[in-house]
Every structure is written in C-alpha cells, then in structure tokens.
C-alpha cells in the first residue's frame, strides 16, 4: 500500500475532523496521525472497525525518517466490538486516558460501525449515539478528534430511519469534513468543509476492497 499523503493539511487541526465515504478513510486517518506522532505526541486510538494497521504506520514513519518503533509505542490502542463497549469507552474512560497519556489527538476508526449492528435495537443505538455525540462535543474543542466513519460494509435495515441520521448529525459537529470516493481505480479525497477542495490519492486498493479486518 502506498503511504504518500497528498492532502495539504492546516496546522494545527482542531475540533472534530470527520472522514466519510469509502473505506480508504480508515488508512487515511491513520496516516494523518503521523503529524502528531512525529512530534512525539501520543495518540489515543479507539478502533471500532478492527482496522488499525501497524505496518502502514511503521512503513510511513520510515519513509519520513521517523523512529517507527517509537511511533508505534506512542499509539495507545483500545479495540471495541460492541456499541456498549464504545459507549463506556468514550463517555467514561476517554477523559482518564487523555489525562494519563496527554495525547496530541484522539483517533476513532469505524466510530459508527458498532451502532450498525442489527442485533441492537435502533432506539438503543440512537440513545448511545446521543451520548457519544455529547462526549465528542465536550472533548473536541480542547483536543482534535479524528473520526473515520466509512460507509457500512453491508446495507442495514432501518425502518425507523434512526441510524441514517447519525452521519449527518456528526457532520454538523465537525469543524473539518473529508470524504473519499474511488473512481476508475483511483481514490479521490474531497474536503467538504470548511472550504471545498479535491485531491487524487495514489492509494493501491486491496483486492477485496476492504480495510476492515475480519475477526
């Protein structure tokens, strides 16, 4: 996988930085964390998509002349598999992790993935989302939160339409909003907000077109 990143980023990023669209936002958001890790600033990583790729970060760190082992050591990873684990982590434990590690940013991979679980009633998913949104709104003004929310792997049934609102509601909280879309074998990154722009990313897409690893 290519590790070059063509997006000229404002410095510093602040608030909620939201990535939506194609699954390539999962490696994209991880690579963006190098701006913090390269300055010896830790990153607290909440992985709800089983998408963290240490080899991607290690290769990118080497390409930039960074200590790849030091970069990986500065990533404080928590993997979650249920929406209730996600709720507890963001609403009860995140502030403790921030106090302990003093990170430069928080990275959330697949932030909405656990809420798409059809075994969880839509009303329960909506309740949890409200708590997550409140926790993000409280934390983002003080510390950048990079949230990768790719499209669901499998379209889900949502007769009430509750889950379909989650992405739009996050967009309203975001200070920065990027999307990724494949086109003719390439990936295009668009900045939707605050000022529109578009870049081609020379990313080699995996054969199965997924960056989420199966358990």
C-alpha atoms as a PDB file:
ATOM      1  CA  UNK A   1       0.000   0.000   0.000  1.00  0.00           C
ATOM      2  CA  UNK A   2       1.290   3.442  -0.864  1.00  0.00           C
ATOM      3  CA  UNK A   3       1.954   5.638   2.142  1.00  0.00           C
ATOM      4  CA  UNK A   4       2.216   9.027   0.475  1.00  0.00           C
ATOM      5  CA  UNK A   5      -0.437  11.514   1.523  1.00  0.00           C
ATOM      6  CA  UNK A   6      -1.213  14.348  -0.913  1.00  0.00           C
ATOM      7  CA  UNK A   7      -3.526  16.387   1.306  1.00  0.00           C
ATOM      8  CA  UNK A   8      -2.089  19.742   2.423  1.00  0.00           C
ATOM      9  CA  UNK A   9      -3.311  19.999   5.980  1.00  0.00           C
ATOM     10  CA  UNK A  10      -3.961  23.095   8.056  1.00  0.00           C
ATOM     11  CA  UNK A  11      -1.804  23.276  11.147  1.00  0.00           C
ATOM     12  CA  UNK A  12      -2.943  22.501  13.637  1.00  0.00           C
ATOM     13  CA  UNK A  13      -6.116  20.514  13.037  1.00  0.00           C
ATOM     14  CA  UNK A  14      -8.713  21.220  15.673  1.00  0.00           C
ATOM     15  CA  UNK A  15     -12.191  20.168  16.703  1.00  0.00           C
ATOM     16  CA  UNK A  16     -13.908  17.137  15.193  1.00  0.00           C
ATOM     17  CA  UNK A  17     -12.210  16.105  11.932  1.00  0.00           C
ATOM     18  CA  UNK A  18     -14.642  13.780  10.160  1.00  0.00           C
ATOM     19  CA  UNK A  19     -13.830  11.328   7.347  1.00  0.00           C
ATOM     20  CA  UNK A  20     -16.700   9.661   5.469  1.00  0.00           C
ATOM     21  CA  UNK A  21     -17.288   7.667   2.293  1.00  0.00           C
ATOM     22  CA  UNK A  22     -15.101   4.838   1.001  1.00  0.00           C
ATOM     23  CA  UNK A  23     -13.243   2.542   3.419  1.00  0.00           C
ATOM     24  CA  UNK A  24      -9.964   4.155   2.386  1.00  0.00           C
ATOM     25  CA  UNK A  25     -10.717   6.793   5.053  1.00  0.00           C
ATOM     26  CA  UNK A  26      -9.553   4.171   7.561  1.00  0.00           C
ATOM     27  CA  UNK A  27      -5.878   4.167   6.443  1.00  0.00           C
ATOM     28  CA  UNK A  28      -6.110   7.860   5.523  1.00  0.00           C
ATOM     29  CA  UNK A  29      -6.989   8.919   9.057  1.00  0.00           C
ATOM     30  CA  UNK A  30      -4.242   6.711  10.486  1.00  0.00           C
ATOM     31  CA  UNK A  31      -1.631   8.354   8.267  1.00  0.00           C
ATOM     32  CA  UNK A  32      -2.803  11.799   9.359  1.00  0.00           C
ATOM     33  CA  UNK A  33      -1.821  10.875  12.909  1.00  0.00           C
ATOM     34  CA  UNK A  34       1.835  10.975  11.876  1.00  0.00           C
ATOM     35  CA  UNK A  35       1.716  14.762  12.239  1.00  0.00           C
ATOM     36  CA  UNK A  36       1.298  14.169  15.983  1.00  0.00           C
ATOM     37  CA  UNK A  37       3.376  11.019  16.385  1.00  0.00           C
ATOM     38  CA  UNK A  38       6.258  12.622  14.500  1.00  0.00           C
ATOM     39  CA  UNK A  39       6.339  15.363  17.161  1.00  0.00           C
ATOM     40  CA  UNK A  40       6.425  12.776  19.956  1.00  0.00           C
ATOM     41  CA  UNK A  41       2.789  13.467  20.797  1.00  0.00           C
ATOM     42  CA  UNK A  42       0.879  10.276  21.671  1.00  0.00           C
ATOM     43  CA  UNK A  43      -2.393   9.332  20.001  1.00  0.00           C
ATOM     44  CA  UNK A  44      -5.297   7.629  21.777  1.00  0.00           C
ATOM     45  CA  UNK A  45      -6.879   5.262  19.252  1.00  0.00           C
ATOM     46  CA  UNK A  46     -10.386   3.810  19.556  1.00  0.00           C
ATOM     47  CA  UNK A  47     -10.809   1.062  16.963  1.00  0.00           C
ATOM     48  CA  UNK A  48     -14.405   0.069  16.275  1.00  0.00           C
ATOM     49  CA  UNK A  49     -13.695  -1.405  12.827  1.00  0.00           C
ATOM     50  CA  UNK A  50     -10.739  -3.708  13.604  1.00  0.00           C
ATOM     51  CA  UNK A  51      -8.867  -1.553  11.114  1.00  0.00           C
ATOM     52  CA  UNK A  52      -5.684  -0.441  12.892  1.00  0.00           C
ATOM     53  CA  UNK A  53      -2.707  -1.309  10.677  1.00  0.00           C
ATOM     54  CA  UNK A  54       0.651  -1.055  12.481  1.00  0.00           C
ATOM     55  CA  UNK A  55       2.522  -1.968   9.277  1.00  0.00           C
ATOM     56  CA  UNK A  56       1.013   1.023   7.480  1.00  0.00           C
ATOM     57  CA  UNK A  57       2.139   3.409  10.210  1.00  0.00           C
ATOM     58  CA  UNK A  58       5.546   1.754  10.518  1.00  0.00           C
ATOM     59  CA  UNK A  59       6.244   1.995   6.774  1.00  0.00           C
ATOM     60  CA  UNK A  60       5.034   5.604   6.652  1.00  0.00           C
ATOM     61  CA  UNK A  61       7.203   6.509   9.639  1.00  0.00           C
ATOM     62  CA  UNK A  62      10.292   5.002   7.991  1.00  0.00           C
ATOM     63  CA  UNK A  63       9.516   6.881   4.761  1.00  0.00           C
ATOM     64  CA  UNK A  64       9.521  10.130   6.745  1.00  0.00           C
ATOM     65  CA  UNK A  65      12.732   9.287   8.594  1.00  0.00           C
ATOM     66  CA  UNK A  66      10.971   8.718  11.910  1.00  0.00           C
ATOM     67  CA  UNK A  67      11.662   6.094  14.559  1.00  0.00           C
ATOM     68  CA  UNK A  68       8.992   3.558  13.596  1.00  0.00           C
ATOM     69  CA  UNK A  69       9.147   1.740  16.913  1.00  0.00           C
ATOM     70  CA  UNK A  70       8.745   4.985  18.815  1.00  0.00           C
ATOM     71  CA  UNK A  71       5.780   5.881  16.622  1.00  0.00           C
ATOM     72  CA  UNK A  72       4.027   2.594  17.355  1.00  0.00           C
ATOM     73  CA  UNK A  73       4.770   2.837  21.074  1.00  0.00           C
ATOM     74  CA  UNK A  74       3.031   6.222  21.140  1.00  0.00           C
ATOM     75  CA  UNK A  75      -0.258   4.769  19.865  1.00  0.00           C
ATOM     76  CA  UNK A  76      -2.495   3.815  22.800  1.00  0.00           C
ATOM     77  CA  UNK A  77      -4.991   1.412  21.263  1.00  0.00           C
ATOM     78  CA  UNK A  78      -8.353   0.193  22.535  1.00  0.00           C
ATOM     79  CA  UNK A  79     -10.332  -2.170  20.316  1.00  0.00           C
ATOM     80  CA  UNK A  80     -14.061  -2.354  20.864  1.00  0.00           C
ATOM     81  CA  UNK A  81     -16.525  -4.849  19.414  1.00  0.00           C
ATOM     82  CA  UNK A  82     -19.932  -3.740  20.726  1.00  0.00           C
ATOM     83  CA  UNK A  83     -21.777  -0.438  20.878  1.00  0.00           C
ATOM     84  CA  UNK A  84     -21.935  -0.696  24.668  1.00  0.00           C
ATOM     85  CA  UNK A  85     -18.150  -1.039  24.880  1.00  0.00           C
ATOM     86  CA  UNK A  86     -17.893   2.037  22.657  1.00  0.00           C
ATOM     87  CA  UNK A  87     -20.306   3.927  24.892  1.00  0.00           C
ATOM     88  CA  UNK A  88     -18.330   3.095  28.032  1.00  0.00           C
ATOM     89  CA  UNK A  89     -15.004   3.940  26.435  1.00  0.00           C
ATOM     90  CA  UNK A  90     -15.965   7.367  25.108  1.00  0.00           C
ATOM     91  CA  UNK A  91     -18.245   8.502  27.915  1.00  0.00           C
ATOM     92  CA  UNK A  92     -16.475   7.031  30.966  1.00  0.00           C
ATOM     93  CA  UNK A  93     -12.842   6.264  30.139  1.00  0.00           C
ATOM     94  CA  UNK A  94     -11.726   8.687  27.454  1.00  0.00           C
ATOM     95  CA  UNK A  95     -11.055  11.570  29.843  1.00  0.00           C
ATOM     96  CA  UNK A  96      -8.981   9.271  32.065  1.00  0.00           C
ATOM     97  CA  UNK A  97      -6.901   8.194  29.028  1.00  0.00           C
ATOM     98  CA  UNK A  98      -6.402  11.814  27.992  1.00  0.00           C
ATOM     99  CA  UNK A  99      -5.220  12.727  31.480  1.00  0.00           C
ATOM    100  CA  UNK A 100      -2.869   9.731  31.613  1.00  0.00           C
ATOM    101  CA  UNK A 101      -1.292   9.932  28.143  1.00  0.00           C
ATOM    102  CA  UNK A 102      -1.667  13.643  27.268  1.00  0.00           C
ATOM    103  CA  UNK A 103      -2.188  12.851  23.572  1.00  0.00           C
ATOM    104  CA  UNK A 104      -1.928  15.220  20.648  1.00  0.00           C
ATOM    105  CA  UNK A 105      -5.141  13.780  19.198  1.00  0.00           C
ATOM    106  CA  UNK A 106      -7.781  11.079  19.529  1.00  0.00           C
ATOM    107  CA  UNK A 107      -8.366   8.805  16.537  1.00  0.00           C
ATOM    108  CA  UNK A 108     -11.621   6.844  16.159  1.00  0.00           C
ATOM    109  CA  UNK A 109     -11.677   4.169  13.452  1.00  0.00           C
ATOM    110  CA  UNK A 110     -15.150   2.990  12.439  1.00  0.00           C
ATOM    111  CA  UNK A 111     -16.800   5.206  15.022  1.00  0.00           C
ATOM    112  CA  UNK A 112     -20.298   4.300  13.812  1.00  0.00           C
ATOM    113  CA  UNK A 113     -19.625   0.640  12.933  1.00  0.00           C
ATOM    114  CA  UNK A 114     -20.820  -0.801  16.273  1.00  0.00           C
ATOM    115  CA  UNK A 115     -24.060   1.194  16.008  1.00  0.00           C
ATOM    116  CA  UNK A 116     -24.880  -0.545  12.716  1.00  0.00           C
ATOM    117  CA  UNK A 117     -25.222  -3.910  14.471  1.00  0.00           C
ATOM    118  CA  UNK A 118     -28.713  -5.142  13.609  1.00  0.00           C
ATOM    119  CA  UNK A 119     -28.842  -7.124  16.853  1.00  0.00           C
ATOM    120  CA  UNK A 120     -29.001  -3.772  18.635  1.00  0.00           C
ATOM    121  CA  UNK A 121     -32.430  -2.072  18.503  1.00  0.00           C
ATOM    122  CA  UNK A 122     -32.378   1.212  16.601  1.00  0.00           C
ATOM    123  CA  UNK A 123     -33.707   3.069  19.639  1.00  0.00           C
ATOM    124  CA  UNK A 124     -30.813   1.763  21.755  1.00  0.00           C
ATOM    125  CA  UNK A 125     -28.316   2.710  19.039  1.00  0.00           C
ATOM    126  CA  UNK A 126     -29.859   6.204  18.962  1.00  0.00           C
ATOM    127  CA  UNK A 127     -29.542   6.543  22.744  1.00  0.00           C
ATOM    128  CA  UNK A 128     -25.886   5.557  22.603  1.00  0.00           C
ATOM    129  CA  UNK A 129     -25.224   7.899  19.691  1.00  0.00           C
ATOM    130  CA  UNK A 130     -26.585  10.835  21.670  1.00  0.00           C
ATOM    131  CA  UNK A 131     -24.151  10.079  24.487  1.00  0.00           C
ATOM    132  CA  UNK A 132     -21.251   9.681  22.031  1.00  0.00           C
ATOM    133  CA  UNK A 133     -22.098  12.978  20.349  1.00  0.00           C
ATOM    134  CA  UNK A 134     -22.181  14.738  23.721  1.00  0.00           C
ATOM    135  CA  UNK A 135     -18.773  13.289  24.670  1.00  0.00           C
ATOM    136  CA  UNK A 136     -17.300  14.369  21.331  1.00  0.00           C
ATOM    137  CA  UNK A 137     -18.794  17.855  21.617  1.00  0.00           C
ATOM    138  CA  UNK A 138     -17.254  18.193  25.089  1.00  0.00           C
ATOM    139  CA  UNK A 139     -13.782  16.967  24.121  1.00  0.00           C
ATOM    140  CA  UNK A 140     -13.232  18.257  20.567  1.00  0.00           C
ATOM    141  CA  UNK A 141     -12.827  21.960  21.470  1.00  0.00           C
ATOM    142  CA  UNK A 142      -9.859  21.011  23.658  1.00  0.00           C
ATOM    143  CA  UNK A 143      -8.315  18.158  21.658  1.00  0.00           C
ATOM    144  CA  UNK A 144      -8.587  17.164  17.980  1.00  0.00           C
ATOM    145  CA  UNK A 145     -10.756  14.096  17.371  1.00  0.00           C
ATOM    146  CA  UNK A 146     -10.162  12.388  14.032  1.00  0.00           C
ATOM    147  CA  UNK A 147     -13.179  10.192  13.301  1.00  0.00           C
ATOM    148  CA  UNK A 148     -13.228   7.800  10.343  1.00  0.00           C
ATOM    149  CA  UNK A 149     -16.812   6.780   9.567  1.00  0.00           C
ATOM    150  CA  UNK A 150     -16.788   4.764   6.330  1.00  0.00           C
ATOM    151  CA  UNK A 151     -19.954   3.571   4.665  1.00  0.00           C
ATOM    152  CA  UNK A 152     -21.392   0.369   6.195  1.00  0.00           C
ATOM    153  CA  UNK A 153     -19.993  -2.881   4.772  1.00  0.00           C
ATOM    154  CA  UNK A 154     -23.492  -4.314   4.363  1.00  0.00           C
ATOM    155  CA  UNK A 155     -26.596  -2.136   3.940  1.00  0.00           C
ATOM    156  CA  UNK A 156     -28.662  -2.473   7.081  1.00  0.00           C
ATOM    157  CA  UNK A 157     -32.395  -2.476   7.605  1.00  0.00           C
ATOM    158  CA  UNK A 158     -33.507   0.685   9.367  1.00  0.00           C
ATOM    159  CA  UNK A 159     -37.299   1.021   9.076  1.00  0.00           C
ATOM    160  CA  UNK A 160     -37.365   3.955  11.511  1.00  0.00           C
ATOM    161  CA  UNK A 161     -34.522   5.760   9.799  1.00  0.00           C
ATOM    162  CA  UNK A 162     -32.786   6.455  13.114  1.00  0.00           C
ATOM    163  CA  UNK A 163     -29.353   5.120  12.166  1.00  0.00           C
ATOM    164  CA  UNK A 164     -29.393   7.000   8.880  1.00  0.00           C
ATOM    165  CA  UNK A 165     -29.247  10.300  10.745  1.00  0.00           C
ATOM    166  CA  UNK A 166     -26.032   9.560  12.652  1.00  0.00           C
ATOM    167  CA  UNK A 167     -23.666  10.612   9.864  1.00  0.00           C
ATOM    168  CA  UNK A 168     -25.484  13.871   9.169  1.00  0.00           C
ATOM    169  CA  UNK A 169     -25.522  14.727  12.848  1.00  0.00           C
ATOM    170  CA  UNK A 170     -21.779  14.147  13.116  1.00  0.00           C
ATOM    171  CA  UNK A 171     -21.262  16.388  10.083  1.00  0.00           C
ATOM    172  CA  UNK A 172     -22.977  19.204  11.942  1.00  0.00           C
ATOM    173  CA  UNK A 173     -20.491  18.783  14.805  1.00  0.00           C
ATOM    174  CA  UNK A 174     -17.429  18.628  12.531  1.00  0.00           C
ATOM    175  CA  UNK A 175     -15.027  21.503  12.070  1.00  0.00           C
ATOM    176  CA  UNK A 176     -13.412  19.663   9.158  1.00  0.00           C
ATOM    177  CA  UNK A 177     -15.106  17.140   6.859  1.00  0.00           C
ATOM    178  CA  UNK A 178     -13.314  14.990   4.288  1.00  0.00           C
ATOM    179  CA  UNK A 179     -14.771  12.292   2.030  1.00  0.00           C
ATOM    180  CA  UNK A 180     -13.107   9.561  -0.040  1.00  0.00           C
ATOM    181  CA  UNK A 181     -14.506   8.023  -3.213  1.00  0.00           C
ATOM    182  CA  UNK A 182     -12.986   5.509  -5.650  1.00  0.00           C
ATOM    183  CA  UNK A 183     -13.054   6.440  -9.318  1.00  0.00           C
ATOM    184  CA  UNK A 184     -11.504   4.375 -12.145  1.00  0.00           C
ATOM    185  CA  UNK A 185      -9.200   2.541  -9.753  1.00  0.00           C
ATOM    186  CA  UNK A 186      -8.088   5.740  -8.025  1.00  0.00           C
ATOM    187  CA  UNK A 187      -9.144   7.347  -4.770  1.00  0.00           C
ATOM    188  CA  UNK A 188     -10.237  10.966  -4.657  1.00  0.00           C
ATOM    189  CA  UNK A 189     -10.200  12.854  -1.366  1.00  0.00           C
ATOM    190  CA  UNK A 190     -12.568  15.796  -1.108  1.00  0.00           C
ATOM    191  CA  UNK A 191     -12.621  18.427   1.604  1.00  0.00           C
ATOM    192  CA  UNK A 192     -16.288  19.263   2.036  1.00  0.00           C
ATOM    193  CA  UNK A 193     -15.889  21.727   4.879  1.00  0.00           C
ATOM    194  CA  UNK A 194     -14.799  24.418   5.689  1.00  0.00           C
ATOM    195  CA  UNK A 195     -13.556  25.195   2.150  1.00  0.00           C
ATOM    196  CA  UNK A 196     -14.099  22.673  -0.688  1.00  0.00           C
ATOM    197  CA  UNK A 197     -11.065  21.124  -2.395  1.00  0.00           C
ATOM    198  CA  UNK A 198     -10.223  17.822  -4.104  1.00  0.00           C
ATOM    199  CA  UNK A 199      -7.074  15.680  -4.404  1.00  0.00           C
ATOM    200  CA  UNK A 200      -6.156  12.377  -6.000  1.00  0.00           C
ATOM    201  CA  UNK A 201      -4.541   9.894  -3.613  1.00  0.00           C
ATOM    202  CA  UNK A 202      -2.213   7.318  -5.141  1.00  0.00           C
ATOM    203  CA  UNK A 203      -3.552   4.551  -2.931  1.00  0.00           C
ATOM    204  CA  UNK A 204      -3.397   0.955  -4.137  1.00  0.00           C
ATOM    205  CA  UNK A 205      -6.766  -0.541  -3.246  1.00  0.00           C
ATOM    206  CA  UNK A 206      -6.753  -4.072  -1.751  1.00  0.00           C
ATOM    207  CA  UNK A 207      -8.257  -6.826  -3.944  1.00  0.00           C
ATOM    208  CA  UNK A 208     -11.207  -7.389  -1.597  1.00  0.00           C
ATOM    209  CA  UNK A 209     -11.797  -3.607  -1.331  1.00  0.00           C
ATOM    210  CA  UNK A 210     -11.875  -3.667   2.454  1.00  0.00           C
ATOM    211  CA  UNK A 211      -9.605  -2.155   5.079  1.00  0.00           C
ATOM    212  CA  UNK A 212     -11.581  -3.685   7.948  1.00  0.00           C
ATOM    213  CA  UNK A 213     -10.014  -6.921   9.117  1.00  0.00           C
ATOM    214  CA  UNK A 214     -12.407  -9.722   9.933  1.00  0.00           C
ATOM    215  CA  UNK A 215     -12.313 -11.221  13.434  1.00  0.00           C
END
